[in-house]
Amino acid sequence: MKLVMCMVDFLIPVLMLAFGLVFWRCPSREVDKWYGYRTRRALKSPEAYVYAQTRMGKIWSSCSIPLAGLTLAAVLFWKDSGSFEDVVSLLILAIQLAVMLLGMIPVECSLKRKFG
């Protein structure tokens, strides 16, 4: 069970790195309704869409490695916590999700500055 929880703890940083690299290096040139960074501002023009994809990819790529390092430190620190294992894993996932979603703030600010 501990191995499964450890793998789940690293799921968000790994996905952030994978999707971040794809968004950054190979942004979709056409607006896709199933895939990509889609907010009202990003969908205003194809240029804004590609810019938002690239920007979010850079942010996720740069945040994923430190986030994985902090996750590793937390897992190693609390590895013998016993009954608190589930609570600690949920707390780690909540923090990771917050970091992932907070990446939207600089993207939206730069979209507003650049595209109005």
N, C-alpha and C. Protein backbone atom coordinates (compact mmCIF):
# COMPACT_ATOMS: atom_id res chain seq x y z
N MET A 1 0.82 -1.20 0.00
CA MET A 1 0.00 0.00 0.00
C MET A 1 0.87 1.26 0.00
N LYS A 2 1.99 1.19 0.72
CA LYS A 2 2.86 2.37 0.76
C LYS A 2 3.44 2.70 -0.61
N LEU A 3 3.74 1.67 -1.39
CA LEU A 3 4.27 1.89 -2.73
C LEU A 3 3.23 2.58 -3.62
N VAL A 4 1.99 2.15 -3.52
CA VAL A 4 0.91 2.76 -4.30
C VAL A 4 0.73 4.22 -3.90
N MET A 5 0.72 4.50 -2.62
CA MET A 5 0.56 5.88 -2.16
C MET A 5 1.74 6.74 -2.60
N CYS A 6 2.94 6.17 -2.59
CA CYS A 6 4.12 6.90 -3.03
C CYS A 6 4.02 7.22 -4.53
N MET A 7 3.54 6.26 -5.32
CA MET A 7 3.37 6.51 -6.75
C MET A 7 2.32 7.57 -7.00
N VAL A 8 1.25 7.55 -6.25
CA VAL A 8 0.20 8.56 -6.38
C VAL A 8 0.73 9.94 -6.00
N ASP A 9 1.60 9.99 -5.00
CA ASP A 9 2.17 11.26 -4.58
C ASP A 9 2.99 11.92 -5.69
N PHE A 10 3.59 11.11 -6.55
CA PHE A 10 4.42 11.66 -7.63
C PHE A 10 3.66 11.82 -8.95
N LEU A 11 2.38 11.49 -8.97
CA LEU A 11 1.60 11.56 -10.19
C LEU A 11 1.51 12.98 -10.75
N ILE A 12 1.17 13.95 -9.93
CA ILE A 12 1.00 15.33 -10.41
C ILE A 12 2.32 15.92 -10.90
N PRO A 13 3.43 15.82 -10.17
CA PRO A 13 4.68 16.36 -10.73
C PRO A 13 5.09 15.72 -12.05
N VAL A 14 4.89 14.41 -12.17
CA VAL A 14 5.26 13.72 -13.42
C VAL A 14 4.38 14.19 -14.57
N LEU A 15 3.07 14.30 -14.32
CA LEU A 15 2.16 14.78 -15.36
C LEU A 15 2.42 16.24 -15.71
N MET A 16 2.76 17.04 -14.70
CA MET A 16 3.09 18.45 -14.99
C MET A 16 4.32 18.53 -15.87
N LEU A 17 5.32 17.71 -15.62
CA LEU A 17 6.52 17.72 -16.45
C LEU A 17 6.21 17.25 -17.86
N ALA A 18 5.48 16.15 -17.98
CA ALA A 18 5.17 15.60 -19.31
C ALA A 18 4.33 16.58 -20.14
N PHE A 19 3.23 17.05 -19.57
CA PHE A 19 2.37 17.99 -20.32
C PHE A 19 3.05 19.33 -20.49
N GLY A 20 3.83 19.74 -19.51
CA GLY A 20 4.56 21.01 -19.63
C GLY A 20 5.52 20.99 -20.80
N LEU A 21 6.26 19.91 -20.95
CA LEU A 21 7.19 19.81 -22.07
C LEU A 21 6.46 19.76 -23.41
N VAL A 22 5.33 19.06 -23.45
CA VAL A 22 4.56 19.00 -24.70
C VAL A 22 3.97 20.37 -25.02
N PHE A 23 3.39 21.04 -24.05
CA PHE A 23 2.81 22.39 -24.29
C PHE A 23 3.90 23.37 -24.71
N TRP A 24 5.07 23.26 -24.09
CA TRP A 24 6.15 24.20 -24.34
C TRP A 24 6.82 23.95 -25.69
N ARG A 25 7.18 22.70 -25.93
CA ARG A 25 7.96 22.37 -27.12
C ARG A 25 7.11 22.14 -28.37
N CYS A 26 5.90 21.64 -28.21
CA CYS A 26 5.04 21.32 -29.36
C CYS A 26 3.63 21.85 -29.12
N PRO A 27 3.46 23.17 -28.98
CA PRO A 27 2.11 23.68 -28.70
C PRO A 27 1.19 23.43 -29.89
N SER A 28 -0.04 23.12 -29.60
CA SER A 28 -1.03 22.91 -30.64
C SER A 28 -1.28 24.23 -31.36
N ARG A 29 -1.26 24.21 -32.66
CA ARG A 29 -1.47 25.44 -33.45
C ARG A 29 -2.94 25.74 -33.67
N GLU A 30 -3.79 24.73 -33.52
CA GLU A 30 -5.22 24.92 -33.67
C GLU A 30 -5.89 24.71 -32.32
N VAL A 31 -6.94 25.46 -32.10
CA VAL A 31 -7.68 25.34 -30.84
C VAL A 31 -8.35 23.97 -30.81
N ASP A 32 -8.06 23.24 -29.77
CA ASP A 32 -8.60 21.89 -29.61
C ASP A 32 -9.55 21.90 -28.43
N LYS A 33 -10.75 21.34 -28.61
CA LYS A 33 -11.71 21.39 -27.51
C LYS A 33 -11.44 20.36 -26.42
N TRP A 34 -10.52 19.43 -26.64
CA TRP A 34 -10.23 18.40 -25.66
C TRP A 34 -8.87 18.54 -25.00
N TYR A 35 -8.00 19.33 -25.58
CA TYR A 35 -6.61 19.31 -25.14
C TYR A 35 -6.06 20.72 -25.15
N GLY A 36 -5.34 21.10 -24.11
CA GLY A 36 -4.65 22.38 -24.10
C GLY A 36 -5.14 23.32 -23.02
N TYR A 37 -4.54 24.49 -23.02
CA TYR A 37 -4.88 25.54 -22.06
C TYR A 37 -6.02 26.35 -22.67
N ARG A 38 -7.23 26.18 -22.12
CA ARG A 38 -8.40 26.82 -22.69
C ARG A 38 -9.11 27.67 -21.64
N THR A 39 -8.84 28.97 -21.68
CA THR A 39 -9.61 29.92 -20.89
C THR A 39 -10.18 30.93 -21.87
N ARG A 40 -11.04 31.79 -21.39
CA ARG A 40 -11.66 32.78 -22.27
C ARG A 40 -10.61 33.64 -22.97
N ARG A 41 -9.62 34.09 -22.23
CA ARG A 41 -8.56 34.92 -22.83
C ARG A 41 -7.72 34.15 -23.83
N ALA A 42 -7.41 32.91 -23.51
CA ALA A 42 -6.56 32.12 -24.40
C ALA A 42 -7.27 31.79 -25.71
N LEU A 43 -8.58 31.72 -25.68
CA LEU A 43 -9.33 31.35 -26.87
C LEU A 43 -9.72 32.54 -27.74
N LYS A 44 -9.30 33.74 -27.38
CA LYS A 44 -9.67 34.93 -28.16
C LYS A 44 -9.05 34.94 -29.55
N SER A 45 -7.86 34.38 -29.69
CA SER A 45 -7.22 34.34 -31.00
C SER A 45 -6.27 33.15 -31.05
N PRO A 46 -5.92 32.69 -32.26
CA PRO A 46 -4.96 31.59 -32.34
C PRO A 46 -3.60 31.95 -31.76
N GLU A 47 -3.19 33.21 -31.92
CA GLU A 47 -1.90 33.64 -31.35
C GLU A 47 -1.92 33.57 -29.82
N ALA A 48 -3.03 34.02 -29.23
CA ALA A 48 -3.17 33.97 -27.77
C ALA A 48 -3.18 32.52 -27.28
N TYR A 49 -3.81 31.64 -28.05
CA TYR A 49 -3.88 30.23 -27.66
C TYR A 49 -2.49 29.60 -27.65
N VAL A 50 -1.72 29.83 -28.70
CA VAL A 50 -0.37 29.26 -28.78
C VAL A 50 0.52 29.87 -27.69
N TYR A 51 0.38 31.19 -27.47
CA TYR A 51 1.16 31.85 -26.43
C TYR A 51 0.83 31.26 -25.05
N ALA A 52 -0.46 31.05 -24.77
CA ALA A 52 -0.86 30.50 -23.47
C ALA A 52 -0.35 29.08 -23.29
N GLN A 53 -0.40 28.28 -24.36
CA GLN A 53 0.12 26.91 -24.29
C GLN A 53 1.60 26.93 -23.93
N THR A 54 2.35 27.75 -24.66
CA THR A 54 3.80 27.81 -24.45
C THR A 54 4.14 28.31 -23.06
N ARG A 55 3.46 29.36 -22.63
CA ARG A 55 3.73 29.95 -21.31
C ARG A 55 3.42 28.95 -20.19
N MET A 56 2.26 28.30 -20.29
CA MET A 56 1.89 27.33 -19.26
C MET A 56 2.85 26.14 -19.27
N GLY A 57 3.30 25.73 -20.44
CA GLY A 57 4.27 24.65 -20.53
C GLY A 57 5.57 24.98 -19.83
N LYS A 58 6.04 26.20 -20.02
CA LYS A 58 7.28 26.63 -19.35
C LYS A 58 7.09 26.64 -17.83
N ILE A 59 5.97 27.16 -17.39
CA ILE A 59 5.71 27.24 -15.95
C ILE A 59 5.62 25.84 -15.34
N TRP A 60 4.83 24.96 -15.96
CA TRP A 60 4.70 23.61 -15.42
C TRP A 60 6.03 22.86 -15.45
N SER A 61 6.78 23.02 -16.53
CA SER A 61 8.07 22.32 -16.62
C SER A 61 9.03 22.80 -15.54
N SER A 62 9.06 24.10 -15.31
CA SER A 62 9.99 24.63 -14.32
C SER A 62 9.54 24.36 -12.88
N CYS A 63 8.25 24.18 -12.65
CA CYS A 63 7.76 23.92 -11.30
C CYS A 63 7.75 22.43 -10.95
N SER A 64 7.73 21.57 -11.94
CA SER A 64 7.54 20.14 -11.66
C SER A 64 8.74 19.50 -10.97
N ILE A 65 9.96 19.87 -11.35
CA ILE A 65 11.14 19.25 -10.74
C ILE A 65 11.27 19.65 -9.26
N PRO A 66 11.20 20.95 -8.91
CA PRO A 66 11.23 21.28 -7.48
C PRO A 66 10.06 20.67 -6.70
N LEU A 67 8.89 20.60 -7.34
CA LEU A 67 7.73 20.00 -6.68
C LEU A 67 7.97 18.52 -6.41
N ALA A 68 8.59 17.83 -7.35
CA ALA A 68 8.92 16.42 -7.14
C ALA A 68 9.96 16.27 -6.03
N GLY A 69 10.92 17.19 -5.98
CA GLY A 69 11.91 17.15 -4.91
C GLY A 69 11.30 17.37 -3.53
N LEU A 70 10.40 18.33 -3.45
CA LEU A 70 9.70 18.56 -2.17
C LEU A 70 8.82 17.37 -1.80
N THR A 71 8.21 16.76 -2.79
CA THR A 71 7.39 15.57 -2.54
C THR A 71 8.26 14.43 -2.01
N LEU A 72 9.42 14.24 -2.62
CA LEU A 72 10.34 13.20 -2.15
C LEU A 72 10.76 13.47 -0.71
N ALA A 73 11.09 14.71 -0.41
CA ALA A 73 11.48 15.06 0.95
C ALA A 73 10.35 14.78 1.94
N ALA A 74 9.12 15.15 1.56
CA ALA A 74 7.97 14.92 2.45
C ALA A 74 7.71 13.43 2.64
N VAL A 75 7.80 12.67 1.55
CA VAL A 75 7.57 11.22 1.64
C VAL A 75 8.62 10.57 2.53
N LEU A 76 9.88 10.96 2.36
CA LEU A 76 10.94 10.38 3.20
C LEU A 76 10.81 10.80 4.65
N PHE A 77 10.38 12.03 4.89
CA PHE A 77 10.24 12.52 6.25
C PHE A 77 9.10 11.79 6.99
N TRP A 78 7.97 11.59 6.27
CA TRP A 78 6.81 10.97 6.90
C TRP A 78 6.62 9.51 6.53
N LYS A 79 7.67 8.83 6.06
CA LYS A 79 7.50 7.45 5.60
C LYS A 79 7.10 6.49 6.71
N ASP A 80 7.44 6.78 7.94
CA ASP A 80 7.11 5.90 9.05
C ASP A 80 6.04 6.50 9.96
N SER A 81 5.16 7.30 9.38
CA SER A 81 4.17 7.99 10.21
C SER A 81 3.00 7.10 10.60
N GLY A 82 2.91 5.91 10.04
CA GLY A 82 1.86 4.98 10.44
C GLY A 82 0.49 5.36 9.94
N SER A 83 -0.41 5.65 10.86
CA SER A 83 -1.80 5.91 10.50
C SER A 83 -1.99 7.26 9.79
N PHE A 84 -0.99 8.11 9.82
CA PHE A 84 -1.12 9.41 9.17
C PHE A 84 -0.75 9.37 7.69
N GLU A 85 -0.43 8.17 7.18
CA GLU A 85 0.02 8.03 5.81
C GLU A 85 -1.00 8.59 4.81
N ASP A 86 -2.26 8.26 4.97
CA ASP A 86 -3.29 8.73 4.05
C ASP A 86 -3.47 10.24 4.15
N VAL A 87 -3.45 10.75 5.35
CA VAL A 87 -3.63 12.20 5.56
C VAL A 87 -2.47 12.97 4.95
N VAL A 88 -1.27 12.48 5.16
CA VAL A 88 -0.08 13.15 4.61
C VAL A 88 -0.12 13.11 3.08
N SER A 89 -0.50 11.98 2.50
CA SER A 89 -0.60 11.88 1.04
C SER A 89 -1.64 12.84 0.49
N LEU A 90 -2.77 12.94 1.15
CA LEU A 90 -3.80 13.87 0.70
C LEU A 90 -3.33 15.32 0.81
N LEU A 91 -2.60 15.63 1.86
CA LEU A 91 -2.05 16.97 2.02
C LEU A 91 -1.04 17.27 0.92
N ILE A 92 -0.18 16.32 0.62
CA ILE A 92 0.80 16.49 -0.46
C ILE A 92 0.09 16.73 -1.78
N LEU A 93 -0.94 15.93 -2.07
CA LEU A 93 -1.68 16.08 -3.32
C LEU A 93 -2.41 17.43 -3.38
N ALA A 94 -2.93 17.88 -2.26
CA ALA A 94 -3.61 19.18 -2.24
C ALA A 94 -2.63 20.32 -2.53
N ILE A 95 -1.45 20.24 -1.96
CA ILE A 95 -0.43 21.26 -2.22
C ILE A 95 0.01 21.21 -3.68
N GLN A 96 0.20 20.02 -4.22
CA GLN A 96 0.59 19.88 -5.62
C GLN A 96 -0.48 20.44 -6.55
N LEU A 97 -1.72 20.15 -6.25
CA LEU A 97 -2.83 20.66 -7.07
C LEU A 97 -2.88 22.18 -7.01
N ALA A 98 -2.65 22.75 -5.83
CA ALA A 98 -2.63 24.20 -5.70
C ALA A 98 -1.51 24.81 -6.53
N VAL A 99 -0.33 24.21 -6.50
CA VAL A 99 0.80 24.71 -7.30
C VAL A 99 0.46 24.62 -8.78
N MET A 100 -0.14 23.52 -9.18
CA MET A 100 -0.49 23.33 -10.59
C MET A 100 -1.49 24.39 -11.04
N LEU A 101 -2.49 24.66 -10.24
CA LEU A 101 -3.52 25.63 -10.63
C LEU A 101 -3.03 27.08 -10.49
N LEU A 102 -2.14 27.33 -9.54
CA LEU A 102 -1.62 28.69 -9.38
C LEU A 102 -0.77 29.12 -10.57
N GLY A 103 -0.32 28.16 -11.37
CA GLY A 103 0.40 28.48 -12.59
C GLY A 103 -0.45 29.24 -13.60
N MET A 104 -1.76 29.20 -13.42
CA MET A 104 -2.65 29.92 -14.33
C MET A 104 -2.58 31.43 -14.13
N ILE A 105 -2.25 31.87 -12.95
CA ILE A 105 -2.25 33.31 -12.66
C ILE A 105 -1.26 34.07 -13.53
N PRO A 106 0.02 33.67 -13.59
CA PRO A 106 0.92 34.42 -14.47
C PRO A 106 0.56 34.31 -15.95
N VAL A 107 -0.02 33.19 -16.35
CA VAL A 107 -0.42 33.04 -17.75
C VAL A 107 -1.54 34.02 -18.08
N GLU A 108 -2.53 34.09 -17.23
CA GLU A 108 -3.65 35.01 -17.47
C GLU A 108 -3.20 36.48 -17.42
N CYS A 109 -2.29 36.79 -16.49
CA CYS A 109 -1.78 38.17 -16.42
C CYS A 109 -1.01 38.53 -17.68
N SER A 110 -0.19 37.62 -18.17
CA SER A 110 0.58 37.93 -19.37
C SER A 110 -0.32 37.95 -20.61
N LEU A 111 -1.35 37.13 -20.65
CA LEU A 111 -2.31 37.20 -21.75
C LEU A 111 -3.03 38.54 -21.76
N LYS A 112 -3.41 39.01 -20.57
CA LYS A 112 -4.09 40.30 -20.49
C LYS A 112 -3.17 41.42 -20.94
N ARG A 113 -1.92 41.38 -20.52
CA ARG A 113 -0.94 42.41 -20.91
C ARG A 113 -0.66 42.39 -22.41
N LYS A 114 -0.49 41.20 -22.95
CA LYS A 114 -0.06 41.07 -24.33
C LYS A 114 -1.21 41.17 -25.34
N PHE A 115 -2.36 40.60 -25.01
CA PHE A 115 -3.46 40.53 -25.98
C PHE A 115 -4.69 41.32 -25.58
N GLY A 116 -4.65 41.93 -24.42
CA GLY A 116 -5.76 42.78 -24.00
C GLY A 116 -6.87 42.12 -23.34
